[in-house]
N, C-alpha and C. Protein backbone atom coordinates (compact mmCIF):
# COMPACT_ATOMS: atom_id res chain seq x y z
N MET A 1 -19.34 -28.77 33.30
CA MET A 1 -17.97 -28.25 33.41
C MET A 1 -17.94 -26.95 34.22
N MET A 2 -18.85 -26.01 33.87
CA MET A 2 -18.88 -24.73 34.56
C MET A 2 -19.25 -24.90 36.03
N ASN A 3 -20.18 -25.83 36.32
CA ASN A 3 -20.56 -26.09 37.71
C ASN A 3 -19.39 -26.63 38.51
N SER A 4 -18.56 -27.44 37.90
CA SER A 4 -17.38 -27.98 38.58
C SER A 4 -16.39 -26.88 38.93
N ILE A 5 -16.20 -25.95 38.03
CA ILE A 5 -15.27 -24.84 38.27
C ILE A 5 -15.80 -23.96 39.40
N ILE A 6 -17.07 -23.65 39.36
CA ILE A 6 -17.67 -22.84 40.42
C ILE A 6 -17.56 -23.55 41.77
N PHE A 7 -17.84 -24.85 41.77
CA PHE A 7 -17.73 -25.63 42.99
C PHE A 7 -16.31 -25.61 43.54
N LEU A 8 -15.32 -25.79 42.68
CA LEU A 8 -13.91 -25.78 43.12
C LEU A 8 -13.50 -24.41 43.64
N LEU A 9 -13.96 -23.35 42.99
CA LEU A 9 -13.66 -22.01 43.48
C LEU A 9 -14.29 -21.77 44.86
N LEU A 10 -15.52 -22.19 45.01
CA LEU A 10 -16.20 -22.04 46.30
C LEU A 10 -15.51 -22.86 47.38
N LEU A 11 -15.16 -24.08 47.05
CA LEU A 11 -14.46 -24.94 48.00
C LEU A 11 -13.10 -24.34 48.38
N SER A 12 -12.40 -23.78 47.42
CA SER A 12 -11.11 -23.13 47.69
C SER A 12 -11.28 -21.93 48.61
N ALA A 13 -12.30 -21.14 48.38
CA ALA A 13 -12.55 -19.97 49.23
C ALA A 13 -12.87 -20.39 50.66
N VAL A 14 -13.67 -21.41 50.83
CA VAL A 14 -14.00 -21.91 52.17
C VAL A 14 -12.76 -22.45 52.86
N ALA A 15 -11.94 -23.20 52.14
CA ALA A 15 -10.71 -23.74 52.72
C ALA A 15 -9.76 -22.62 53.12
N TRP A 16 -9.59 -21.62 52.27
CA TRP A 16 -8.73 -20.48 52.61
C TRP A 16 -9.23 -19.79 53.86
N PHE A 17 -10.54 -19.53 53.93
CA PHE A 17 -11.11 -18.84 55.09
C PHE A 17 -10.89 -19.65 56.36
N TRP A 18 -11.08 -20.96 56.30
CA TRP A 18 -10.89 -21.80 57.48
C TRP A 18 -9.44 -21.77 57.95
N PHE A 19 -8.50 -21.95 57.02
CA PHE A 19 -7.08 -21.92 57.39
C PHE A 19 -6.66 -20.55 57.90
N ASP A 20 -7.16 -19.48 57.30
CA ASP A 20 -6.84 -18.13 57.74
C ASP A 20 -7.38 -17.89 59.15
N THR A 21 -8.57 -18.38 59.42
CA THR A 21 -9.16 -18.24 60.75
C THR A 21 -8.34 -18.99 61.79
N GLN A 22 -7.90 -20.20 61.47
CA GLN A 22 -7.08 -20.98 62.39
C GLN A 22 -5.75 -20.27 62.69
N ARG A 23 -5.12 -19.75 61.65
CA ARG A 23 -3.84 -19.05 61.82
C ARG A 23 -4.02 -17.78 62.66
N THR A 24 -5.07 -17.03 62.38
CA THR A 24 -5.34 -15.82 63.14
C THR A 24 -5.61 -16.14 64.60
N GLN A 25 -6.35 -17.23 64.84
CA GLN A 25 -6.65 -17.62 66.21
C GLN A 25 -5.38 -17.99 66.98
N GLU A 26 -4.45 -18.66 66.33
CA GLU A 26 -3.18 -19.00 66.98
C GLU A 26 -2.38 -17.74 67.32
N VAL A 27 -2.35 -16.77 66.42
CA VAL A 27 -1.66 -15.50 66.69
C VAL A 27 -2.32 -14.79 67.87
N ALA A 28 -3.64 -14.74 67.87
CA ALA A 28 -4.37 -14.07 68.96
C ALA A 28 -4.15 -14.78 70.29
N LYS A 29 -4.15 -16.10 70.27
CA LYS A 29 -3.92 -16.85 71.51
C LYS A 29 -2.51 -16.61 72.05
N GLY A 30 -1.53 -16.58 71.17
CA GLY A 30 -0.16 -16.29 71.60
C GLY A 30 -0.04 -14.91 72.21
N LEU A 31 -0.71 -13.96 71.62
CA LEU A 31 -0.71 -12.59 72.15
C LEU A 31 -1.38 -12.55 73.52
N CYS A 32 -2.50 -13.22 73.67
CA CYS A 32 -3.20 -13.26 74.96
C CYS A 32 -2.33 -13.91 76.03
N LYS A 33 -1.67 -15.00 75.69
CA LYS A 33 -0.77 -15.67 76.63
C LYS A 33 0.36 -14.74 77.07
N GLN A 34 0.93 -14.03 76.10
CA GLN A 34 2.04 -13.13 76.39
C GLN A 34 1.60 -12.01 77.33
N VAL A 35 0.49 -11.37 77.04
CA VAL A 35 0.01 -10.26 77.86
C VAL A 35 -0.39 -10.76 79.25
N CYS A 36 -1.09 -11.90 79.31
CA CYS A 36 -1.46 -12.46 80.61
C CYS A 36 -0.21 -12.76 81.44
N GLY A 37 0.81 -13.32 80.80
CA GLY A 37 2.06 -13.61 81.51
C GLY A 37 2.73 -12.35 82.04
N GLN A 38 2.73 -11.28 81.26
CA GLN A 38 3.33 -10.03 81.68
C GLN A 38 2.59 -9.42 82.86
N LEU A 39 1.29 -9.65 82.94
CA LEU A 39 0.47 -9.10 84.03
C LEU A 39 0.28 -10.10 85.17
N HIS A 40 1.00 -11.23 85.11
CA HIS A 40 0.92 -12.29 86.12
C HIS A 40 -0.50 -12.83 86.24
N LEU A 41 -1.13 -13.02 85.10
CA LEU A 41 -2.46 -13.60 85.03
C LEU A 41 -2.35 -14.94 84.31
N GLN A 42 -3.39 -15.74 84.43
CA GLN A 42 -3.39 -17.04 83.78
C GLN A 42 -4.50 -17.07 82.72
N LEU A 43 -4.12 -17.46 81.50
CA LEU A 43 -5.10 -17.68 80.44
C LEU A 43 -5.75 -19.03 80.73
N LEU A 44 -7.01 -19.01 81.11
CA LEU A 44 -7.68 -20.23 81.54
C LEU A 44 -8.02 -21.12 80.35
N ASP A 45 -7.95 -22.39 80.56
CA ASP A 45 -8.26 -23.41 79.56
C ASP A 45 -7.36 -23.33 78.34
N ASP A 46 -6.37 -22.44 78.35
CA ASP A 46 -5.41 -22.29 77.26
C ASP A 46 -6.12 -22.19 75.91
N THR A 47 -7.23 -21.44 75.89
CA THR A 47 -8.01 -21.36 74.67
C THR A 47 -8.70 -20.01 74.53
N ILE A 48 -8.97 -19.66 73.30
CA ILE A 48 -9.80 -18.50 72.99
C ILE A 48 -10.85 -18.96 71.99
N ALA A 49 -11.99 -18.27 71.98
CA ALA A 49 -13.09 -18.70 71.11
C ALA A 49 -13.54 -17.54 70.22
N VAL A 50 -13.88 -17.87 68.99
CA VAL A 50 -14.40 -16.87 68.06
C VAL A 50 -15.79 -16.43 68.53
N ALA A 51 -15.97 -15.13 68.68
CA ALA A 51 -17.27 -14.60 69.07
C ALA A 51 -17.97 -13.92 67.91
N ARG A 52 -17.18 -13.40 66.96
CA ARG A 52 -17.77 -12.66 65.84
C ARG A 52 -16.78 -12.60 64.69
N VAL A 53 -17.30 -12.72 63.48
CA VAL A 53 -16.50 -12.55 62.27
C VAL A 53 -17.31 -11.65 61.34
N ARG A 54 -16.65 -10.60 60.84
CA ARG A 54 -17.35 -9.71 59.91
C ARG A 54 -16.36 -8.98 59.02
N LEU A 55 -16.88 -8.44 57.94
CA LEU A 55 -16.08 -7.61 57.03
C LEU A 55 -16.16 -6.17 57.52
N ARG A 56 -15.01 -5.50 57.59
CA ARG A 56 -14.94 -4.11 58.03
C ARG A 56 -13.93 -3.36 57.18
N ARG A 57 -14.12 -2.09 57.07
CA ARG A 57 -13.14 -1.23 56.39
C ARG A 57 -12.11 -0.75 57.40
N ASP A 58 -10.85 -0.60 56.93
CA ASP A 58 -9.82 -0.02 57.78
C ASP A 58 -9.78 1.49 57.56
N ASN A 59 -8.79 2.15 58.14
CA ASN A 59 -8.68 3.61 58.03
C ASN A 59 -8.46 4.09 56.60
N GLN A 60 -7.92 3.23 55.75
CA GLN A 60 -7.68 3.59 54.35
C GLN A 60 -8.86 3.19 53.46
N GLY A 61 -9.91 2.64 54.03
CA GLY A 61 -11.09 2.27 53.26
C GLY A 61 -11.04 0.89 52.64
N ARG A 62 -9.99 0.10 52.94
CA ARG A 62 -9.88 -1.25 52.39
C ARG A 62 -10.69 -2.22 53.24
N TRP A 63 -11.34 -3.17 52.56
CA TRP A 63 -12.11 -4.19 53.25
C TRP A 63 -11.19 -5.27 53.80
N GLY A 64 -11.53 -5.79 54.97
CA GLY A 64 -10.78 -6.89 55.55
C GLY A 64 -11.66 -7.66 56.52
N VAL A 65 -11.20 -8.83 56.90
CA VAL A 65 -11.93 -9.67 57.84
C VAL A 65 -11.53 -9.28 59.26
N GLN A 66 -12.52 -8.96 60.07
CA GLN A 66 -12.29 -8.64 61.48
C GLN A 66 -12.87 -9.78 62.31
N ARG A 67 -12.03 -10.33 63.19
CA ARG A 67 -12.47 -11.44 64.05
C ARG A 67 -12.36 -11.02 65.50
N THR A 68 -13.43 -11.28 66.25
CA THR A 68 -13.44 -10.99 67.68
C THR A 68 -13.36 -12.31 68.43
N TYR A 69 -12.40 -12.40 69.34
CA TYR A 69 -12.21 -13.59 70.16
C TYR A 69 -12.44 -13.23 71.61
N GLN A 70 -12.98 -14.18 72.36
CA GLN A 70 -13.14 -14.00 73.79
C GLN A 70 -12.40 -15.12 74.50
N PHE A 71 -11.91 -14.79 75.68
CA PHE A 71 -11.15 -15.75 76.47
C PHE A 71 -11.37 -15.45 77.93
N GLU A 72 -11.04 -16.42 78.77
CA GLU A 72 -11.16 -16.23 80.20
C GLU A 72 -9.77 -16.23 80.82
N PHE A 73 -9.63 -15.40 81.85
CA PHE A 73 -8.35 -15.31 82.55
C PHE A 73 -8.62 -15.17 84.04
N SER A 74 -7.57 -15.38 84.84
CA SER A 74 -7.69 -15.30 86.29
C SER A 74 -6.37 -14.80 86.87
N ASP A 75 -6.47 -14.22 88.06
CA ASP A 75 -5.25 -13.78 88.75
C ASP A 75 -4.73 -14.86 89.70
N GLY A 76 -5.24 -16.06 89.56
CA GLY A 76 -4.78 -17.18 90.38
C GLY A 76 -5.79 -17.60 91.41
N GLY A 77 -6.78 -16.77 91.64
CA GLY A 77 -7.84 -17.13 92.58
C GLY A 77 -8.92 -17.91 91.88
N ASN A 78 -10.09 -17.85 92.45
CA ASN A 78 -11.22 -18.57 91.88
C ASN A 78 -12.07 -17.68 90.97
N ASN A 79 -11.56 -16.53 90.63
CA ASN A 79 -12.35 -15.61 89.81
C ASN A 79 -12.00 -15.75 88.34
N ARG A 80 -13.01 -16.00 87.55
CA ARG A 80 -12.85 -16.09 86.09
C ARG A 80 -13.36 -14.77 85.52
N GLN A 81 -12.53 -14.16 84.69
CA GLN A 81 -12.94 -12.93 84.04
C GLN A 81 -12.80 -13.10 82.55
N GLN A 82 -13.56 -12.31 81.82
CA GLN A 82 -13.57 -12.44 80.37
C GLN A 82 -12.80 -11.30 79.72
N GLY A 83 -11.92 -11.66 78.81
CA GLY A 83 -11.17 -10.69 78.02
C GLY A 83 -11.59 -10.79 76.56
N THR A 84 -11.22 -9.77 75.81
CA THR A 84 -11.57 -9.71 74.39
C THR A 84 -10.36 -9.28 73.59
N VAL A 85 -10.18 -9.90 72.45
CA VAL A 85 -9.16 -9.45 71.50
C VAL A 85 -9.83 -9.40 70.12
N ILE A 86 -9.62 -8.29 69.44
CA ILE A 86 -10.16 -8.10 68.10
C ILE A 86 -8.98 -8.01 67.14
N MET A 87 -9.03 -8.87 66.12
CA MET A 87 -7.96 -8.94 65.13
C MET A 87 -8.50 -8.56 63.76
N ARG A 88 -7.71 -7.84 63.00
CA ARG A 88 -8.00 -7.60 61.59
C ARG A 88 -6.85 -8.23 60.83
N GLY A 89 -7.14 -9.34 60.18
CA GLY A 89 -6.06 -10.12 59.58
C GLY A 89 -5.18 -10.65 60.70
N MET A 90 -3.87 -10.49 60.57
CA MET A 90 -2.93 -10.94 61.59
C MET A 90 -2.58 -9.83 62.58
N THR A 91 -3.24 -8.69 62.47
CA THR A 91 -2.91 -7.52 63.28
C THR A 91 -3.93 -7.32 64.39
N ILE A 92 -3.42 -7.06 65.59
CA ILE A 92 -4.32 -6.79 66.71
C ILE A 92 -4.93 -5.41 66.53
N GLU A 93 -6.20 -5.32 66.78
CA GLU A 93 -6.91 -4.05 66.72
C GLU A 93 -7.23 -3.57 68.13
N ILE A 94 -7.76 -4.48 68.96
CA ILE A 94 -8.11 -4.13 70.34
C ILE A 94 -7.82 -5.33 71.23
N LEU A 95 -7.26 -5.07 72.40
CA LEU A 95 -7.10 -6.08 73.45
C LEU A 95 -7.63 -5.50 74.73
N GLU A 96 -8.50 -6.23 75.39
CA GLU A 96 -9.13 -5.72 76.60
C GLU A 96 -9.13 -6.78 77.69
N LEU A 97 -8.57 -6.41 78.85
CA LEU A 97 -8.60 -7.25 80.04
C LEU A 97 -9.19 -6.40 81.17
N PRO A 98 -10.50 -6.40 81.32
CA PRO A 98 -11.16 -5.51 82.30
C PRO A 98 -10.60 -5.68 83.70
N GLY A 99 -10.30 -4.56 84.32
CA GLY A 99 -9.81 -4.56 85.69
C GLY A 99 -8.30 -4.71 85.82
N TYR A 100 -7.61 -5.07 84.77
CA TYR A 100 -6.16 -5.29 84.86
C TYR A 100 -5.38 -4.44 83.88
N MET A 101 -6.03 -3.98 82.86
CA MET A 101 -5.30 -3.24 81.85
C MET A 101 -6.30 -2.38 81.10
N ASP A 102 -5.91 -1.15 80.82
CA ASP A 102 -6.74 -0.32 79.99
C ASP A 102 -6.80 -0.94 78.59
N ARG A 103 -7.81 -0.59 77.87
CA ARG A 103 -7.98 -1.12 76.52
C ARG A 103 -6.82 -0.66 75.64
N ILE A 104 -6.22 -1.61 74.94
CA ILE A 104 -5.16 -1.29 73.97
C ILE A 104 -5.81 -1.25 72.60
N ILE A 105 -5.63 -0.16 71.92
CA ILE A 105 -6.16 -0.02 70.57
C ILE A 105 -5.01 0.30 69.66
N SER A 106 -4.82 -0.52 68.64
CA SER A 106 -3.77 -0.31 67.67
C SER A 106 -4.36 0.30 66.41
N PRO A 107 -3.69 1.31 65.86
CA PRO A 107 -4.18 1.82 64.57
C PRO A 107 -3.91 0.80 63.48
N VAL A 108 -4.91 0.48 62.72
CA VAL A 108 -4.76 -0.52 61.65
C VAL A 108 -4.82 0.18 60.32
């Protein structure tokens, strides 16, 4: 009985983490599309990929999940460049498009 409860709790935690990661990735992708559009750039392959997931403290000392995503963009030519967006929960922490925009850092 106790093993079943532990298994269900573990399964629930994994399911929550997976759904939370998917939701965060959609928010990050939408943000990347918006910024690329404003700068007349193209988000290539219409996708972003998780590069890192870790637990980090915010400015108030609370623990949260920080996810780093990488994506490729172009100015319409044949040059592919790599951008980075770091999210803490649903909030953007850093967005970086080298050569087109200074790093944006949001206080979290």
